[in-house]
Amino acid sequence: MSVDLPQPIAEYIEANARLDIDGMLMPFLRDAVFIDNGKHFEGEAAIRLLFEEEVIPVKAIFTPDTVREENGAVVVEGPAHGDFPGSPLRFTYCFTLMHGAIKTLETTV
């Protein structure tokens, strides 16, 4: 299923599908915050480390199948597949955008 996503979110999702860390970082503001199941990662270096340690090694690829706006955020849901226990798992990604980039991303299972 194809969903219509704002450009910075689409860029992040497309780069994730290629497991391209630089491409995944590109749509984030430099001071962005990524909250991964309650763990906070602030700024480009911290988010890069998250991708290097927790996304790439398990080849976690998120495939959105629904999108909606909720309280000023873009909420995207879908399965993530990879080499991790329970794969695929259904995730909710809550994006806040600012100046055409991702300001915050919170993921929950």
N, C-alpha and C. Protein backbone atom coordinates (compact mmCIF):
# COMPACT_ATOMS: atom_id res chain seq x y z
N MET A 1 0.85 -1.18 0.00
CA MET A 1 0.00 0.00 0.00
C MET A 1 0.89 1.24 0.00
N SER A 2 0.58 2.17 -0.85
CA SER A 2 1.33 3.41 -0.94
C SER A 2 0.59 4.49 -0.16
N VAL A 3 1.33 5.28 0.63
CA VAL A 3 0.73 6.37 1.37
C VAL A 3 1.39 7.67 0.95
N ASP A 4 0.64 8.76 1.04
CA ASP A 4 1.13 10.08 0.66
C ASP A 4 1.76 10.74 1.88
N LEU A 5 3.07 10.89 1.86
CA LEU A 5 3.81 11.41 3.00
C LEU A 5 4.42 12.77 2.68
N PRO A 6 4.51 13.67 3.68
CA PRO A 6 5.26 14.92 3.48
C PRO A 6 6.69 14.59 3.06
N GLN A 7 7.29 15.47 2.26
CA GLN A 7 8.59 15.21 1.65
C GLN A 7 9.68 14.75 2.63
N PRO A 8 9.90 15.44 3.78
CA PRO A 8 10.99 14.98 4.64
C PRO A 8 10.75 13.57 5.21
N ILE A 9 9.50 13.24 5.46
CA ILE A 9 9.19 11.90 5.97
C ILE A 9 9.40 10.87 4.87
N ALA A 10 8.95 11.18 3.66
CA ALA A 10 9.15 10.28 2.52
C ALA A 10 10.64 10.04 2.29
N GLU A 11 11.46 11.09 2.40
CA GLU A 11 12.90 10.95 2.21
C GLU A 11 13.50 10.03 3.28
N TYR A 12 13.07 10.19 4.52
CA TYR A 12 13.56 9.34 5.61
C TYR A 12 13.18 7.88 5.35
N ILE A 13 11.92 7.64 4.99
CA ILE A 13 11.43 6.27 4.75
C ILE A 13 12.18 5.62 3.58
N GLU A 14 12.39 6.39 2.50
CA GLU A 14 13.10 5.86 1.33
C GLU A 14 14.54 5.51 1.68
N ALA A 15 15.21 6.37 2.45
CA ALA A 15 16.59 6.10 2.86
C ALA A 15 16.65 4.90 3.80
N ASN A 16 15.67 4.76 4.68
CA ASN A 16 15.62 3.61 5.58
C ASN A 16 15.48 2.32 4.77
N ALA A 17 14.70 2.34 3.72
CA ALA A 17 14.53 1.15 2.88
C ALA A 17 15.86 0.71 2.25
N ARG A 18 16.79 1.67 2.06
CA ARG A 18 18.11 1.37 1.51
C ARG A 18 19.15 1.15 2.62
N LEU A 19 18.71 1.31 3.89
CA LEU A 19 19.63 1.26 5.05
C LEU A 19 20.79 2.24 4.86
N ASP A 20 20.44 3.44 4.41
CA ASP A 20 21.38 4.51 4.10
C ASP A 20 21.37 5.52 5.25
N ILE A 21 22.36 5.43 6.13
CA ILE A 21 22.37 6.29 7.31
C ILE A 21 22.42 7.77 6.94
N ASP A 22 23.31 8.16 6.02
CA ASP A 22 23.40 9.57 5.63
C ASP A 22 22.07 10.06 5.07
N GLY A 23 21.44 9.25 4.24
CA GLY A 23 20.14 9.61 3.68
C GLY A 23 19.06 9.69 4.75
N MET A 24 19.13 8.81 5.75
CA MET A 24 18.15 8.84 6.84
C MET A 24 18.31 10.11 7.68
N LEU A 25 19.54 10.58 7.85
CA LEU A 25 19.80 11.78 8.64
C LEU A 25 19.45 13.07 7.91
N MET A 26 19.54 13.06 6.59
CA MET A 26 19.38 14.28 5.80
C MET A 26 18.10 15.07 6.10
N PRO A 27 16.93 14.43 6.24
CA PRO A 27 15.73 15.22 6.45
C PRO A 27 15.52 15.73 7.88
N PHE A 28 16.45 15.42 8.80
CA PHE A 28 16.33 15.88 10.18
C PHE A 28 17.00 17.24 10.35
N LEU A 29 16.43 18.09 11.21
CA LEU A 29 17.12 19.29 11.64
C LEU A 29 18.35 18.86 12.43
N ARG A 30 19.38 19.69 12.47
CA ARG A 30 20.61 19.32 13.16
C ARG A 30 20.38 19.08 14.66
N ASP A 31 19.40 19.80 15.24
CA ASP A 31 19.12 19.65 16.67
C ASP A 31 17.87 18.80 16.93
N ALA A 32 17.52 17.97 15.97
CA ALA A 32 16.32 17.13 16.09
C ALA A 32 16.42 16.17 17.27
N VAL A 33 15.26 15.70 17.68
CA VAL A 33 15.17 14.72 18.76
C VAL A 33 14.47 13.48 18.22
N PHE A 34 15.07 12.33 18.49
CA PHE A 34 14.50 11.03 18.11
C PHE A 34 14.25 10.29 19.41
N ILE A 35 12.99 9.94 19.66
CA ILE A 35 12.63 9.19 20.86
C ILE A 35 12.25 7.79 20.40
N ASP A 36 13.08 6.83 20.74
CA ASP A 36 12.90 5.45 20.31
C ASP A 36 12.44 4.61 21.49
N ASN A 37 11.13 4.33 21.53
CA ASN A 37 10.56 3.56 22.64
C ASN A 37 11.00 4.10 24.00
N GLY A 38 10.92 5.43 24.15
CA GLY A 38 11.22 6.07 25.43
C GLY A 38 12.65 6.53 25.60
N LYS A 39 13.58 6.08 24.76
CA LYS A 39 14.98 6.51 24.85
C LYS A 39 15.17 7.74 23.96
N HIS A 40 15.76 8.81 24.55
CA HIS A 40 15.93 10.08 23.83
C HIS A 40 17.32 10.17 23.20
N PHE A 41 17.33 10.60 21.93
CA PHE A 41 18.56 10.84 21.19
C PHE A 41 18.44 12.24 20.61
N GLU A 42 19.31 13.15 21.04
CA GLU A 42 19.21 14.54 20.62
C GLU A 42 20.41 14.94 19.79
N GLY A 43 20.14 15.50 18.62
CA GLY A 43 21.19 15.98 17.74
C GLY A 43 21.66 14.92 16.76
N GLU A 44 22.31 15.40 15.72
CA GLU A 44 22.73 14.53 14.61
C GLU A 44 23.65 13.39 15.06
N ALA A 45 24.63 13.68 15.90
CA ALA A 45 25.58 12.64 16.31
C ALA A 45 24.87 11.52 17.09
N ALA A 46 23.97 11.88 17.98
CA ALA A 46 23.26 10.88 18.77
C ALA A 46 22.32 10.04 17.91
N ILE A 47 21.65 10.69 16.97
CA ILE A 47 20.73 9.97 16.08
C ILE A 47 21.52 9.05 15.16
N ARG A 48 22.67 9.51 14.67
CA ARG A 48 23.53 8.66 13.84
C ARG A 48 23.94 7.40 14.61
N LEU A 49 24.33 7.58 15.86
CA LEU A 49 24.73 6.45 16.69
C LEU A 49 23.57 5.46 16.87
N LEU A 50 22.38 5.97 17.07
CA LEU A 50 21.19 5.11 17.15
C LEU A 50 21.06 4.27 15.89
N PHE A 51 21.15 4.91 14.73
CA PHE A 51 21.03 4.19 13.46
C PHE A 51 22.15 3.15 13.32
N GLU A 52 23.38 3.55 13.66
CA GLU A 52 24.53 2.64 13.52
C GLU A 52 24.43 1.43 14.45
N GLU A 53 23.90 1.64 15.65
CA GLU A 53 23.89 0.57 16.64
C GLU A 53 22.60 -0.25 16.69
N GLU A 54 21.46 0.37 16.30
CA GLU A 54 20.19 -0.32 16.52
C GLU A 54 19.36 -0.55 15.25
N VAL A 55 19.65 0.16 14.19
CA VAL A 55 18.86 0.00 12.96
C VAL A 55 19.62 -0.85 11.93
N ILE A 56 20.82 -0.41 11.60
CA ILE A 56 21.58 -1.07 10.55
C ILE A 56 21.94 -2.52 10.91
N PRO A 57 22.45 -2.81 12.11
CA PRO A 57 22.83 -4.20 12.41
C PRO A 57 21.70 -5.21 12.27
N VAL A 58 20.47 -4.79 12.55
CA VAL A 58 19.33 -5.72 12.45
C VAL A 58 18.53 -5.52 11.16
N LYS A 59 19.03 -4.63 10.29
CA LYS A 59 18.39 -4.37 9.00
C LYS A 59 16.91 -4.03 9.17
N ALA A 60 16.62 -3.14 10.13
CA ALA A 60 15.24 -2.74 10.44
C ALA A 60 14.73 -1.77 9.38
N ILE A 61 13.73 -2.21 8.63
CA ILE A 61 13.14 -1.40 7.57
C ILE A 61 11.65 -1.23 7.86
N PHE A 62 11.24 0.03 7.96
CA PHE A 62 9.86 0.41 8.26
C PHE A 62 9.10 0.62 6.96
N THR A 63 7.90 0.04 6.87
CA THR A 63 7.07 0.18 5.68
C THR A 63 5.72 0.76 6.08
N PRO A 64 5.52 2.06 5.88
CA PRO A 64 4.27 2.68 6.32
C PRO A 64 3.07 2.20 5.50
N ASP A 65 1.94 2.03 6.20
CA ASP A 65 0.71 1.69 5.48
C ASP A 65 -0.45 2.61 5.82
N THR A 66 -0.29 3.45 6.85
CA THR A 66 -1.31 4.46 7.15
C THR A 66 -0.62 5.75 7.58
N VAL A 67 -1.28 6.86 7.34
CA VAL A 67 -0.78 8.16 7.75
C VAL A 67 -1.97 9.04 8.12
N ARG A 68 -1.78 9.84 9.17
CA ARG A 68 -2.83 10.79 9.57
C ARG A 68 -2.17 11.96 10.29
N GLU A 69 -2.88 13.08 10.34
CA GLU A 69 -2.42 14.21 11.13
C GLU A 69 -3.14 14.17 12.47
N GLU A 70 -2.38 14.46 13.54
CA GLU A 70 -2.93 14.39 14.88
C GLU A 70 -2.22 15.40 15.77
N ASN A 71 -2.95 16.40 16.25
CA ASN A 71 -2.40 17.43 17.14
C ASN A 71 -1.14 18.09 16.58
N GLY A 72 -1.15 18.40 15.29
CA GLY A 72 -0.02 19.08 14.66
C GLY A 72 1.12 18.17 14.25
N ALA A 73 0.99 16.87 14.50
CA ALA A 73 2.03 15.91 14.13
C ALA A 73 1.53 15.04 12.99
N VAL A 74 2.46 14.40 12.31
CA VAL A 74 2.13 13.43 11.27
C VAL A 74 2.40 12.05 11.87
N VAL A 75 1.34 11.25 11.98
CA VAL A 75 1.45 9.92 12.58
C VAL A 75 1.41 8.89 11.46
N VAL A 76 2.45 8.07 11.42
CA VAL A 76 2.61 7.07 10.37
C VAL A 76 2.71 5.71 11.05
N GLU A 77 1.94 4.74 10.55
CA GLU A 77 1.96 3.41 11.13
C GLU A 77 2.28 2.37 10.07
N GLY A 78 2.87 1.27 10.52
CA GLY A 78 3.18 0.18 9.62
C GLY A 78 4.14 -0.79 10.24
N PRO A 79 4.42 -1.89 9.54
CA PRO A 79 5.33 -2.89 10.06
C PRO A 79 6.80 -2.52 9.80
N ALA A 80 7.65 -3.00 10.69
CA ALA A 80 9.10 -2.96 10.48
C ALA A 80 9.58 -4.40 10.42
N HIS A 81 10.35 -4.69 9.39
CA HIS A 81 10.91 -6.02 9.20
C HIS A 81 12.41 -5.95 9.42
N GLY A 82 12.99 -7.05 9.85
CA GLY A 82 14.43 -7.10 10.01
C GLY A 82 14.85 -8.35 10.75
N ASP A 83 16.12 -8.36 11.12
CA ASP A 83 16.68 -9.49 11.85
C ASP A 83 16.63 -9.23 13.35
N PHE A 84 15.41 -9.11 13.88
CA PHE A 84 15.22 -8.86 15.30
C PHE A 84 14.05 -9.71 15.80
N PRO A 85 14.04 -10.03 17.10
CA PRO A 85 12.98 -10.88 17.65
C PRO A 85 11.58 -10.29 17.39
N GLY A 86 10.68 -11.14 16.94
CA GLY A 86 9.31 -10.73 16.72
C GLY A 86 9.04 -10.12 15.35
N SER A 87 10.06 -9.99 14.53
CA SER A 87 9.88 -9.38 13.21
C SER A 87 8.86 -10.16 12.39
N PRO A 88 7.96 -9.44 11.73
CA PRO A 88 7.78 -7.99 11.73
C PRO A 88 6.99 -7.52 12.96
N LEU A 89 7.32 -6.31 13.39
CA LEU A 89 6.58 -5.65 14.46
C LEU A 89 5.90 -4.41 13.89
N ARG A 90 4.72 -4.12 14.41
CA ARG A 90 3.99 -2.94 13.96
C ARG A 90 4.43 -1.74 14.81
N PHE A 91 4.83 -0.68 14.13
CA PHE A 91 5.30 0.53 14.79
C PHE A 91 4.39 1.72 14.49
N THR A 92 4.41 2.67 15.40
CA THR A 92 3.82 3.99 15.18
C THR A 92 4.95 5.00 15.22
N TYR A 93 5.07 5.80 14.17
CA TYR A 93 6.06 6.86 14.09
C TYR A 93 5.30 8.19 14.15
N CYS A 94 5.66 9.03 15.10
CA CYS A 94 5.01 10.34 15.25
C CYS A 94 6.05 11.42 14.92
N PHE A 95 5.86 12.09 13.79
CA PHE A 95 6.79 13.10 13.30
C PHE A 95 6.26 14.50 13.59
N THR A 96 7.15 15.38 14.03
CA THR A 96 6.86 16.81 14.09
C THR A 96 7.80 17.47 13.10
N LEU A 97 7.22 18.28 12.21
CA LEU A 97 8.02 18.93 11.17
C LEU A 97 8.18 20.41 11.47
N MET A 98 9.32 20.97 11.05
CA MET A 98 9.58 22.40 11.19
C MET A 98 10.50 22.82 10.05
N HIS A 99 10.15 23.92 9.38
CA HIS A 99 10.98 24.45 8.29
C HIS A 99 11.29 23.40 7.23
N GLY A 100 10.33 22.54 6.91
CA GLY A 100 10.51 21.53 5.87
C GLY A 100 11.43 20.39 6.26
N ALA A 101 11.62 20.17 7.57
CA ALA A 101 12.50 19.10 8.04
C ALA A 101 11.87 18.44 9.26
N ILE A 102 12.44 17.32 9.66
CA ILE A 102 11.95 16.59 10.83
C ILE A 102 12.56 17.21 12.08
N LYS A 103 11.70 17.69 12.98
CA LYS A 103 12.14 18.27 14.26
C LYS A 103 12.17 17.19 15.34
N THR A 104 11.11 16.36 15.38
CA THR A 104 11.09 15.26 16.33
C THR A 104 10.49 14.02 15.65
N LEU A 105 10.96 12.88 16.10
CA LEU A 105 10.40 11.60 15.68
C LEU A 105 10.33 10.72 16.91
N GLU A 106 9.12 10.26 17.22
CA GLU A 106 8.94 9.33 18.33
C GLU A 106 8.38 8.03 17.78
N THR A 107 9.08 6.92 18.09
CA THR A 107 8.62 5.62 17.63
C THR A 107 8.17 4.80 18.82
N THR A 108 7.08 4.06 18.62
CA THR A 108 6.57 3.15 19.64
C THR A 108 6.08 1.88 18.95
N VAL A 109 6.14 0.80 19.70
CA VAL A 109 5.66 -0.50 19.19
C VAL A 109 4.23 -0.67 19.63
